[in-house]
């Protein structure tokens, strides 16, 4: 018997600039979780979700919870502060890399929902800018995590795994209208 386990991190920007988009962030996160739950049942795979919320600091608000038992993000998401985007993304990758993988076939996926640019990670403990370490080598095997979005990425708009497209695999990206103001992309995680 082969166990298939998916580990998904949602990294949600809760900086002050997200205030007008807070309802959309909750909606997108909840839709993503509903999609992951549906695919988990359809594919008979266990899916575990960890949710990080960040502004001036990074906070893990849900850790490694079964996707079929996930609450709405409405009670957990509050905006206010700067944007510690790099610290949040690296924290999620560093913690996912510590996931036990003794048995089964494990896969990892990260979604980062943000509207802006990094401007506060230098205030966070263990930040690459505090210790003088860059992204390369910060998370073993993930040398390209810190690359900036290129022109194609910005034109592509919001990318996330929620949606109704038939035949997609668990967490497969799709594009939603850029009018939401959110930017999201599957993160660089190993497996």
Protein backbone atom coordinates (compact mmCIF):
# COMPACT_ATOMS: atom_id res chain seq x y z
CA UNK A 1 0.00 0.00 0.00
CA UNK A 2 1.37 3.43 -0.98
CA UNK A 3 0.35 6.47 1.11
CA UNK A 4 0.10 9.71 -0.82
CA UNK A 5 0.49 12.79 1.37
CA UNK A 6 0.32 16.41 0.25
CA UNK A 7 1.68 19.23 2.42
CA UNK A 8 0.34 22.64 1.41
CA UNK A 9 1.32 26.01 2.86
CA UNK A 10 -0.84 29.10 2.40
CA UNK A 11 1.13 32.28 3.05
CA UNK A 12 -1.25 35.24 3.37
CA UNK A 13 -0.20 38.90 3.25
CA UNK A 14 -1.94 40.80 6.06
CA UNK A 15 -0.13 44.12 5.61
CA UNK A 16 -2.12 47.35 5.77
CA UNK A 17 -2.26 47.65 1.99
CA UNK A 18 -4.36 44.44 1.96
CA UNK A 19 -7.19 46.14 3.86
CA UNK A 20 -9.36 46.79 0.77
CA UNK A 21 -8.65 43.23 -0.40
CA UNK A 22 -9.12 41.41 2.92
CA UNK A 23 -12.49 39.93 1.91
CA UNK A 24 -10.99 38.68 -1.36
CA UNK A 25 -8.00 37.12 0.44
CA UNK A 26 -10.34 35.18 2.74
CA UNK A 27 -12.49 34.15 -0.24
CA UNK A 28 -9.49 32.97 -2.31
CA UNK A 29 -7.94 31.11 0.67
CA UNK A 30 -11.24 29.42 1.54
CA UNK A 31 -11.82 28.47 -2.12
CA UNK A 32 -8.30 27.04 -2.30
CA UNK A 33 -8.93 24.95 0.81
CA UNK A 34 -12.29 23.74 -0.53
CA UNK A 35 -10.65 22.77 -3.83
CA UNK A 36 -7.85 20.92 -2.02
CA UNK A 37 -10.41 19.09 0.15
CA UNK A 38 -12.42 18.04 -2.91
CA UNK A 39 -9.31 16.80 -4.74
CA UNK A 40 -8.08 15.03 -1.61
CA UNK A 41 -11.31 13.01 -1.52
CA UNK A 42 -11.39 12.41 -5.29
CA UNK A 43 -7.76 11.23 -5.43
CA UNK A 44 -7.86 9.42 -2.07
CA UNK A 45 -4.83 11.38 -0.86
CA UNK A 46 -4.23 12.90 2.53
CA UNK A 47 -3.67 16.65 2.38
CA UNK A 48 -2.28 18.62 5.31
CA UNK A 49 -2.44 22.44 5.34
CA UNK A 50 -0.35 25.01 7.20
CA UNK A 51 -1.40 28.68 7.11
CA UNK A 52 0.94 31.60 7.71
CA UNK A 53 -0.23 35.20 8.05
CA UNK A 54 2.33 37.98 7.80
CA UNK A 55 2.62 41.73 8.15
CA UNK A 56 5.46 43.08 10.35
CA UNK A 57 6.03 39.55 11.62
CA UNK A 58 5.22 36.03 10.48
CA UNK A 59 2.68 33.96 12.39
CA UNK A 60 1.74 30.33 11.81
CA UNK A 61 -2.02 30.32 12.57
CA UNK A 62 -2.78 26.72 11.52
CA UNK A 63 -0.19 23.97 11.51
CA UNK A 64 -0.34 20.72 9.54
CA UNK A 65 -4.12 20.31 9.74
CA UNK A 66 -6.17 17.84 7.71
CA UNK A 67 -7.70 19.80 4.82
CA UNK A 68 -11.08 18.13 5.47
CA UNK A 69 -11.21 19.79 8.91
CA UNK A 70 -10.00 23.30 8.03
CA UNK A 71 -11.91 26.34 9.34
CA UNK A 72 -12.59 29.47 7.33
CA UNK A 73 -9.72 31.94 7.37
CA UNK A 74 -12.18 34.69 8.37
CA UNK A 75 -11.45 34.32 12.11
CA UNK A 76 -7.67 34.15 11.61
CA UNK A 77 -6.96 36.94 9.13
CA UNK A 78 -6.50 40.54 10.37
CA UNK A 79 -4.67 43.25 8.43
CA UNK A 80 -2.22 45.83 9.73
CA UNK A 81 1.49 46.53 9.34
CA UNK A 82 4.24 46.33 6.77
CA UNK A 83 5.06 43.47 4.33
CA UNK A 84 7.54 40.83 5.59
CA UNK A 85 7.11 38.84 2.37
CA UNK A 86 10.60 37.31 2.24
CA UNK A 87 10.58 36.30 5.92
CA UNK A 88 7.14 34.67 5.57
CA UNK A 89 8.01 32.75 2.42
CA UNK A 90 11.32 31.54 3.80
CA UNK A 91 9.76 30.57 7.14
CA UNK A 92 7.16 28.45 5.34
CA UNK A 93 9.85 26.72 3.28
CA UNK A 94 12.14 26.19 6.25
CA UNK A 95 9.32 24.63 8.28
CA UNK A 96 8.00 22.48 5.40
CA UNK A 97 11.53 21.14 4.94
CA UNK A 98 11.33 19.77 8.52
CA UNK A 99 8.25 17.66 7.78
CA UNK A 100 8.78 13.99 8.64
CA UNK A 101 8.79 11.79 5.54
CA UNK A 102 9.44 8.34 6.97
CA UNK A 103 6.62 6.56 5.14
CA UNK A 104 4.63 7.33 2.02
CA UNK A 105 5.03 9.54 -1.01
CA UNK A 106 5.12 13.21 0.11
CA UNK A 107 4.63 16.27 -2.06
CA UNK A 108 4.93 19.94 -1.10
CA UNK A 109 3.21 23.03 -2.46
CA UNK A 110 3.17 26.65 -1.32
CA UNK A 111 0.79 29.46 -2.29
CA UNK A 112 1.70 33.06 -1.44
CA UNK A 113 -1.10 35.62 -1.70
CA UNK A 114 0.16 39.21 -1.72
CA UNK A 115 -0.46 42.57 -3.36
CA UNK A 116 2.92 44.11 -2.92
CA UNK A 117 6.63 44.06 -2.38
CA UNK A 118 8.84 43.12 0.50
CA UNK A 119 9.49 45.96 2.94
CA UNK A 120 9.74 44.57 6.48
CA UNK A 121 11.67 41.27 6.66
CA UNK A 122 14.77 43.01 7.94
CA UNK A 123 12.82 43.50 11.23
CA UNK A 124 12.08 39.77 11.60
CA UNK A 125 14.28 37.35 13.55
CA UNK A 126 16.17 34.86 11.35
CA UNK A 127 15.73 37.13 8.35
CA UNK A 128 18.37 36.67 5.63
CA UNK A 129 19.11 40.40 5.81
CA UNK A 130 19.74 40.17 9.58
CA UNK A 131 22.18 37.28 9.34
CA UNK A 132 23.75 38.37 6.08
CA UNK A 133 22.59 35.22 4.28
CA UNK A 134 20.82 35.49 0.97
CA UNK A 135 18.09 33.16 -0.20
CA UNK A 136 20.53 30.83 -1.90
CA UNK A 137 21.25 28.04 0.53
CA UNK A 138 18.88 29.47 3.17
CA UNK A 139 16.53 26.55 2.57
CA UNK A 140 18.43 23.45 1.43
CA UNK A 141 17.83 22.72 -2.24
CA UNK A 142 15.90 25.92 -2.95
CA UNK A 143 18.40 28.28 -4.51
CA UNK A 144 15.90 30.21 -6.64
CA UNK A 145 13.21 31.00 -4.04
CA UNK A 146 13.97 34.70 -3.91
CA UNK A 147 13.80 35.50 -7.61
CA UNK A 148 11.71 38.52 -8.44
CA UNK A 149 8.60 38.26 -10.50
CA UNK A 150 9.46 38.94 -14.10
CA UNK A 151 7.34 40.79 -16.64
CA UNK A 152 5.54 37.60 -17.71
CA UNK A 153 4.61 36.88 -14.08
CA UNK A 154 3.13 40.36 -13.62
CA UNK A 155 1.17 40.12 -16.87
CA UNK A 156 -0.13 36.69 -15.89
CA UNK A 157 -1.93 38.21 -12.89
CA UNK A 158 -3.16 36.08 -10.03
CA UNK A 159 -2.24 32.43 -10.07
CA UNK A 160 -3.58 30.00 -7.53
CA UNK A 161 -4.87 26.44 -7.28
CA UNK A 162 -8.54 27.08 -6.53
CA UNK A 163 -11.08 26.67 -9.27
CA UNK A 164 -13.38 24.46 -11.22
CA UNK A 165 -11.25 23.27 -14.15
CA UNK A 166 -11.80 19.56 -14.79
CA UNK A 167 -8.88 17.16 -14.92
CA UNK A 168 -6.43 19.30 -12.98
CA UNK A 169 -4.16 17.73 -10.41
CA UNK A 170 -4.22 18.73 -6.76
CA UNK A 171 -3.04 22.34 -6.46
CA UNK A 172 -2.70 22.92 -10.22
CA UNK A 173 -2.40 26.66 -10.91
CA UNK A 174 -5.02 28.65 -12.74
CA UNK A 175 -5.44 32.31 -13.57
CA UNK A 176 -8.19 34.51 -12.16
CA UNK A 177 -8.87 38.10 -13.23
CA UNK A 178 -6.21 40.63 -12.24
CA UNK A 179 -8.93 43.01 -11.06
CA UNK A 180 -8.69 41.43 -7.60
CA UNK A 181 -5.32 43.11 -7.09
CA UNK A 182 -3.84 39.93 -5.58
CA UNK A 183 -0.72 38.19 -6.83
CA UNK A 184 -0.17 34.55 -6.02
CA UNK A 185 2.03 31.81 -7.34
CA UNK A 186 2.87 28.31 -6.31
CA UNK A 187 6.04 28.51 -4.25
CA UNK A 188 9.33 26.74 -4.78
CA UNK A 189 9.12 23.71 -2.58
CA UNK A 190 10.91 20.43 -2.87
CA UNK A 191 9.62 16.96 -2.51
